[in-house]
Amino acid sequence: MTAVTPGGPAARAGLQSGDIITALSGEPISGPDQLQESSLTNPPGTSIPVEFRRGNQTRTVNVVLA
């Protein structure tokens, strides 16, 4: 991620600037356009698993869409 909005859904889930999102709801993400398109298919309030890389570790958090 290039930027995380303070207090936004990503920040509340623990994502940080520099994290690389690799999957959304189990589906691989190849770039920012695909990430935005994929997240728009879910209504606000939906909790979705987001897989990301931070350094050498792969992690998963749930993000509640706003």
PDB file of N, CA and C in Angstrom:
ATOM      1  N   MET A   1       0.856  -1.164   0.000  1.00  0.00           N
ATOM      2  CA  MET A   1       0.000   0.000   0.000  1.00  0.00           C
ATOM      3  C   MET A   1       0.901   1.226   0.000  1.00  0.00           C
ATOM      4  N   THR A   2       0.478   2.230  -0.715  1.00  0.00           N
ATOM      5  CA  THR A   2       1.266   3.451  -0.714  1.00  0.00           C
ATOM      6  C   THR A   2       0.879   4.355   0.443  1.00  0.00           C
ATOM      7  N   ALA A   3      -0.387   4.321   0.833  1.00  0.00           N
ATOM      8  CA  ALA A   3      -0.843   5.156   1.944  1.00  0.00           C
ATOM      9  C   ALA A   3      -2.026   4.477   2.622  1.00  0.00           C
ATOM     10  N   VAL A   4      -2.122   4.666   3.912  1.00  0.00           N
ATOM     11  CA  VAL A   4      -3.248   4.145   4.689  1.00  0.00           C
ATOM     12  C   VAL A   4      -3.904   5.339   5.354  1.00  0.00           C
ATOM     13  N   THR A   5      -5.190   5.507   5.138  1.00  0.00           N
ATOM     14  CA  THR A   5      -5.924   6.614   5.725  1.00  0.00           C
ATOM     15  C   THR A   5      -6.084   6.381   7.227  1.00  0.00           C
ATOM     16  N   PRO A   6      -5.585   7.315   8.048  1.00  0.00           N
ATOM     17  CA  PRO A   6      -5.744   7.155   9.500  1.00  0.00           C
ATOM     18  C   PRO A   6      -7.221   7.001   9.869  1.00  0.00           C
ATOM     19  N   GLY A   7      -7.523   5.986  10.666  1.00  0.00           N
ATOM     20  CA  GLY A   7      -8.891   5.740  11.103  1.00  0.00           C
ATOM     21  C   GLY A   7      -9.756   5.036  10.075  1.00  0.00           C
ATOM     22  N   GLY A   8      -9.223   4.789   8.882  1.00  0.00           N
ATOM     23  CA  GLY A   8      -9.980   4.113   7.836  1.00  0.00           C
ATOM     24  C   GLY A   8     -10.013   2.604   8.050  1.00  0.00           C
ATOM     25  N   PRO A   9     -10.765   1.893   7.212  1.00  0.00           N
ATOM     26  CA  PRO A   9     -10.894   0.436   7.371  1.00  0.00           C
ATOM     27  C   PRO A   9      -9.553  -0.298   7.377  1.00  0.00           C
ATOM     28  N   ALA A  10      -8.643   0.060   6.497  1.00  0.00           N
ATOM     29  CA  ALA A  10      -7.343  -0.619   6.443  1.00  0.00           C
ATOM     30  C   ALA A  10      -6.545  -0.361   7.716  1.00  0.00           C
ATOM     31  N   ALA A  11      -6.541   0.877   8.182  1.00  0.00           N
ATOM     32  CA  ALA A  11      -5.810   1.219   9.403  1.00  0.00           C
ATOM     33  C   ALA A  11      -6.403   0.491  10.612  1.00  0.00           C
ATOM     34  N   ARG A  12      -7.724   0.438  10.695  1.00  0.00           N
ATOM     35  CA  ARG A  12      -8.367  -0.257  11.821  1.00  0.00           C
ATOM     36  C   ARG A  12      -8.038  -1.749  11.817  1.00  0.00           C
ATOM     37  N   ALA A  13      -7.797  -2.311  10.630  1.00  0.00           N
ATOM     38  CA  ALA A  13      -7.459  -3.736  10.530  1.00  0.00           C
ATOM     39  C   ALA A  13      -5.983  -3.991  10.792  1.00  0.00           C
ATOM     40  N   GLY A  14      -5.176  -2.921  10.854  1.00  0.00           N
ATOM     41  CA  GLY A  14      -3.764  -3.080  11.146  1.00  0.00           C
ATOM     42  C   GLY A  14      -2.846  -3.009   9.944  1.00  0.00           C
ATOM     43  N   LEU A  15      -3.391  -2.710   8.766  1.00  0.00           N
ATOM     44  CA  LEU A  15      -2.540  -2.568   7.585  1.00  0.00           C
ATOM     45  C   LEU A  15      -1.718  -1.296   7.694  1.00  0.00           C
ATOM     46  N   GLN A  16      -0.517  -1.339   7.113  1.00  0.00           N
ATOM     47  CA  GLN A  16       0.393  -0.206   7.179  1.00  0.00           C
ATOM     48  C   GLN A  16       0.884   0.149   5.782  1.00  0.00           C
ATOM     49  N   SER A  17       1.313   1.386   5.633  1.00  0.00           N
ATOM     50  CA  SER A  17       1.922   1.811   4.393  1.00  0.00           C
ATOM     51  C   SER A  17       3.113   0.906   4.108  1.00  0.00           C
ATOM     52  N   GLY A  18       3.235   0.437   2.884  1.00  0.00           N
ATOM     53  CA  GLY A  18       4.314  -0.477   2.517  1.00  0.00           C
ATOM     54  C   GLY A  18       3.887  -1.932   2.474  1.00  0.00           C
ATOM     55  N   ASP A  19       2.741  -2.276   3.087  1.00  0.00           N
ATOM     56  CA  ASP A  19       2.232  -3.647   2.995  1.00  0.00           C
ATOM     57  C   ASP A  19       1.834  -3.920   1.546  1.00  0.00           C
ATOM     58  N   ILE A  20       2.039  -5.142   1.107  1.00  0.00           N
ATOM     59  CA  ILE A  20       1.689  -5.530  -0.265  1.00  0.00           C
ATOM     60  C   ILE A  20       0.526  -6.505  -0.181  1.00  0.00           C
ATOM     61  N   ILE A  21      -0.635  -6.068  -0.657  1.00  0.00           N
ATOM     62  CA  ILE A  21      -1.829  -6.906  -0.626  1.00  0.00           C
ATOM     63  C   ILE A  21      -1.724  -7.925  -1.755  1.00  0.00           C
ATOM     64  N   THR A  22      -1.864  -9.208  -1.390  1.00  0.00           N
ATOM     65  CA  THR A  22      -1.706 -10.285  -2.364  1.00  0.00           C
ATOM     66  C   THR A  22      -3.006 -11.022  -2.671  1.00  0.00           C
ATOM     67  N   ALA A  23      -3.992 -10.944  -1.768  1.00  0.00           N
ATOM     68  CA  ALA A  23      -5.262 -11.627  -2.009  1.00  0.00           C
ATOM     69  C   ALA A  23      -6.378 -10.948  -1.229  1.00  0.00           C
ATOM     70  N   LEU A  24      -7.561 -10.995  -1.813  1.00  0.00           N
ATOM     71  CA  LEU A  24      -8.761 -10.425  -1.202  1.00  0.00           C
ATOM     72  C   LEU A  24      -9.831 -11.502  -1.250  1.00  0.00           C
ATOM     73  N   SER A  25     -10.328 -11.914  -0.098  1.00  0.00           N
ATOM     74  CA  SER A  25     -11.308 -13.004  -0.003  1.00  0.00           C
ATOM     75  C   SER A  25     -10.805 -14.271  -0.693  1.00  0.00           C
ATOM     76  N   GLY A  26      -9.505 -14.530  -0.580  1.00  0.00           N
ATOM     77  CA  GLY A  26      -8.938 -15.734  -1.156  1.00  0.00           C
ATOM     78  C   GLY A  26      -8.587 -15.651  -2.624  1.00  0.00           C
ATOM     79  N   GLU A  27      -8.923 -14.540  -3.272  1.00  0.00           N
ATOM     80  CA  GLU A  27      -8.633 -14.372  -4.689  1.00  0.00           C
ATOM     81  C   GLU A  27      -7.368 -13.537  -4.859  1.00  0.00           C
ATOM     82  N   PRO A  28      -6.405 -14.016  -5.652  1.00  0.00           N
ATOM     83  CA  PRO A  28      -5.171 -13.251  -5.861  1.00  0.00           C
ATOM     84  C   PRO A  28      -5.436 -11.868  -6.438  1.00  0.00           C
ATOM     85  N   ILE A  29      -4.657 -10.891  -6.002  1.00  0.00           N
ATOM     86  CA  ILE A  29      -4.753  -9.509  -6.472  1.00  0.00           C
ATOM     87  C   ILE A  29      -3.448  -9.174  -7.185  1.00  0.00           C
ATOM     88  N   SER A  30      -3.550  -8.676  -8.409  1.00  0.00           N
ATOM     89  CA  SER A  30      -2.338  -8.389  -9.179  1.00  0.00           C
ATOM     90  C   SER A  30      -1.965  -6.910  -9.173  1.00  0.00           C
ATOM     91  N   GLY A  31      -2.841  -6.044  -8.668  1.00  0.00           N
ATOM     92  CA  GLY A  31      -2.508  -4.629  -8.641  1.00  0.00           C
ATOM     93  C   GLY A  31      -3.617  -3.794  -8.040  1.00  0.00           C
ATOM     94  N   PRO A  32      -3.379  -2.478  -7.914  1.00  0.00           N
ATOM     95  CA  PRO A  32      -4.346  -1.590  -7.253  1.00  0.00           C
ATOM     96  C   PRO A  32      -5.704  -1.527  -7.951  1.00  0.00           C
ATOM     97  N   ASP A  33      -5.716  -1.567  -9.279  1.00  0.00           N
ATOM     98  CA  ASP A  33      -6.995  -1.501  -9.981  1.00  0.00           C
ATOM     99  C   ASP A  33      -7.852  -2.725  -9.677  1.00  0.00           C
ATOM    100  N   GLN A  34      -7.226  -3.895  -9.665  1.00  0.00           N
ATOM    101  CA  GLN A  34      -7.955  -5.115  -9.364  1.00  0.00           C
ATOM    102  C   GLN A  34      -8.423  -5.118  -7.906  1.00  0.00           C
ATOM    103  N   LEU A  35      -7.603  -4.574  -7.014  1.00  0.00           N
ATOM    104  CA  LEU A  35      -7.978  -4.490  -5.599  1.00  0.00           C
ATOM    105  C   LEU A  35      -9.228  -3.639  -5.437  1.00  0.00           C
ATOM    106  N   GLN A  36      -9.246  -2.484  -6.062  1.00  0.00           N
ATOM    107  CA  GLN A  36     -10.401  -1.598  -5.951  1.00  0.00           C
ATOM    108  C   GLN A  36     -11.641  -2.247  -6.558  1.00  0.00           C
ATOM    109  N   GLU A  37     -11.492  -2.851  -7.731  1.00  0.00           N
ATOM    110  CA  GLU A  37     -12.627  -3.491  -8.400  1.00  0.00           C
ATOM    111  C   GLU A  37     -13.180  -4.635  -7.552  1.00  0.00           C
ATOM    112  N   SER A  38     -12.299  -5.443  -6.994  1.00  0.00           N
ATOM    113  CA  SER A  38     -12.729  -6.580  -6.178  1.00  0.00           C
ATOM    114  C   SER A  38     -13.433  -6.135  -4.901  1.00  0.00           C
ATOM    115  N   SER A  39     -12.935  -5.078  -4.276  1.00  0.00           N
ATOM    116  CA  SER A  39     -13.543  -4.630  -3.024  1.00  0.00           C
ATOM    117  C   SER A  39     -14.909  -3.987  -3.255  1.00  0.00           C
ATOM    118  N   LEU A  40     -15.150  -3.452  -4.451  1.00  0.00           N
ATOM    119  CA  LEU A  40     -16.430  -2.813  -4.739  1.00  0.00           C
ATOM    120  C   LEU A  40     -17.564  -3.816  -4.929  1.00  0.00           C
ATOM    121  N   THR A  41     -17.242  -5.108  -5.061  1.00  0.00           N
ATOM    122  CA  THR A  41     -18.289  -6.110  -5.255  1.00  0.00           C
ATOM    123  C   THR A  41     -18.960  -6.497  -3.937  1.00  0.00           C
ATOM    124  N   ASN A  42     -18.455  -5.987  -2.824  1.00  0.00           N
ATOM    125  CA  ASN A  42     -19.014  -6.288  -1.504  1.00  0.00           C
ATOM    126  C   ASN A  42     -19.648  -5.037  -0.906  1.00  0.00           C
ATOM    127  N   PRO A  43     -20.786  -5.185  -0.237  1.00  0.00           N
ATOM    128  CA  PRO A  43     -21.440  -4.018   0.355  1.00  0.00           C
ATOM    129  C   PRO A  43     -20.696  -3.516   1.607  1.00  0.00           C
ATOM    130  N   PRO A  44     -20.875  -2.231   1.940  1.00  0.00           N
ATOM    131  CA  PRO A  44     -20.280  -1.698   3.175  1.00  0.00           C
ATOM    132  C   PRO A  44     -20.718  -2.529   4.376  1.00  0.00           C
ATOM    133  N   GLY A  45     -19.818  -2.681   5.331  1.00  0.00           N
ATOM    134  CA  GLY A  45     -20.094  -3.464   6.526  1.00  0.00           C
ATOM    135  C   GLY A  45     -19.650  -4.912   6.409  1.00  0.00           C
ATOM    136  N   THR A  46     -19.299  -5.336   5.188  1.00  0.00           N
ATOM    137  CA  THR A  46     -18.832  -6.698   4.976  1.00  0.00           C
ATOM    138  C   THR A  46     -17.403  -6.844   5.496  1.00  0.00           C
ATOM    139  N   SER A  47     -17.133  -7.914   6.206  1.00  0.00           N
ATOM    140  CA  SER A  47     -15.784  -8.219   6.674  1.00  0.00           C
ATOM    141  C   SER A  47     -15.161  -9.188   5.684  1.00  0.00           C
ATOM    142  N   ILE A  48     -14.015  -8.794   5.117  1.00  0.00           N
ATOM    143  CA  ILE A  48     -13.360  -9.645   4.135  1.00  0.00           C
ATOM    144  C   ILE A  48     -11.915  -9.915   4.552  1.00  0.00           C
ATOM    145  N   PRO A  49     -11.437 -11.138   4.326  1.00  0.00           N
ATOM    146  CA  PRO A  49     -10.040 -11.444   4.640  1.00  0.00           C
ATOM    147  C   PRO A  49      -9.119 -10.833   3.587  1.00  0.00           C
ATOM    148  N   VAL A  50      -8.078 -10.175   4.055  1.00  0.00           N
ATOM    149  CA  VAL A  50      -7.085  -9.558   3.185  1.00  0.00           C
ATOM    150  C   VAL A  50      -5.731 -10.173   3.530  1.00  0.00           C
ATOM    151  N   GLU A  51      -5.125 -10.824   2.536  1.00  0.00           N
ATOM    152  CA  GLU A  51      -3.786 -11.393   2.718  1.00  0.00           C
ATOM    153  C   GLU A  51      -2.772 -10.383   2.207  1.00  0.00           C
ATOM    154  N   PHE A  52      -1.690 -10.206   2.955  1.00  0.00           N
ATOM    155  CA  PHE A  52      -0.682  -9.225   2.558  1.00  0.00           C
ATOM    156  C   PHE A  52       0.695  -9.663   3.003  1.00  0.00           C
ATOM    157  N   ARG A  53       1.700  -9.068   2.378  1.00  0.00           N
ATOM    158  CA  ARG A  53       3.080  -9.305   2.769  1.00  0.00           C
ATOM    159  C   ARG A  53       3.617  -8.065   3.458  1.00  0.00           C
ATOM    160  N   ARG A  54       4.307  -8.279   4.558  1.00  0.00           N
ATOM    161  CA  ARG A  54       5.006  -7.217   5.274  1.00  0.00           C
ATOM    162  C   ARG A  54       6.407  -7.770   5.545  1.00  0.00           C
ATOM    163  N   GLY A  55       7.380  -7.205   4.846  1.00  0.00           N
ATOM    164  CA  GLY A  55       8.728  -7.755   4.949  1.00  0.00           C
ATOM    165  C   GLY A  55       8.741  -9.153   4.365  1.00  0.00           C
ATOM    166  N   ASN A  56       9.236 -10.104   5.131  1.00  0.00           N
ATOM    167  CA  ASN A  56       9.304 -11.495   4.674  1.00  0.00           C
ATOM    168  C   ASN A  56       8.143 -12.342   5.158  1.00  0.00           C
ATOM    169  N   GLN A  57       7.147 -11.720   5.792  1.00  0.00           N
ATOM    170  CA  GLN A  57       6.029 -12.473   6.351  1.00  0.00           C
ATOM    171  C   GLN A  57       4.752 -12.251   5.560  1.00  0.00           C
ATOM    172  N   THR A  58       3.959 -13.303   5.447  1.00  0.00           N
ATOM    173  CA  THR A  58       2.618 -13.205   4.869  1.00  0.00           C
ATOM    174  C   THR A  58       1.633 -13.270   6.020  1.00  0.00           C
ATOM    175  N   ARG A  59       0.700 -12.348   6.022  1.00  0.00           N
ATOM    176  CA  ARG A  59      -0.295 -12.258   7.099  1.00  0.00           C
ATOM    177  C   ARG A  59      -1.683 -12.120   6.487  1.00  0.00           C
ATOM    178  N   THR A  60      -2.696 -12.367   7.308  1.00  0.00           N
ATOM    179  CA  THR A  60      -4.084 -12.173   6.897  1.00  0.00           C
ATOM    180  C   THR A  60      -4.819 -11.419   8.011  1.00  0.00           C
ATOM    181  N   VAL A  61      -5.575 -10.400   7.625  1.00  0.00           N
ATOM    182  CA  VAL A  61      -6.426  -9.667   8.557  1.00  0.00           C
ATOM    183  C   VAL A  61      -7.815  -9.550   7.942  1.00  0.00           C
ATOM    184  N   ASN A  62      -8.810  -9.329   8.764  1.00  0.00           N
ATOM    185  CA  ASN A  62     -10.155  -9.056   8.265  1.00  0.00           C
ATOM    186  C   ASN A  62     -10.371  -7.556   8.244  1.00  0.00           C
ATOM    187  N   VAL A  63     -10.835  -7.054   7.108  1.00  0.00           N
ATOM    188  CA  VAL A  63     -11.121  -5.640   6.926  1.00  0.00           C
ATOM    189  C   VAL A  63     -12.621  -5.481   6.770  1.00  0.00           C
ATOM    190  N   VAL A  64     -13.206  -4.587   7.566  1.00  0.00           N
ATOM    191  CA  VAL A  64     -14.643  -4.287   7.451  1.00  0.00           C
ATOM    192  C   VAL A  64     -14.760  -3.099   6.498  1.00  0.00           C
ATOM    193  N   LEU A  65     -15.429  -3.334   5.367  1.00  0.00           N
ATOM    194  CA  LEU A  65     -15.554  -2.291   4.352  1.00  0.00           C
ATOM    195  C   LEU A  65     -16.444  -1.162   4.825  1.00  0.00           C
ATOM    196  N   ALA A  66     -16.083   0.046   4.427  1.00  0.00           N
ATOM    197  CA  ALA A  66     -16.868   1.228   4.782  1.00  0.00           C
ATOM    198  C   ALA A  66     -17.597   1.759   3.569  1.00  0.00           C
TER     199      ALA A  66
END
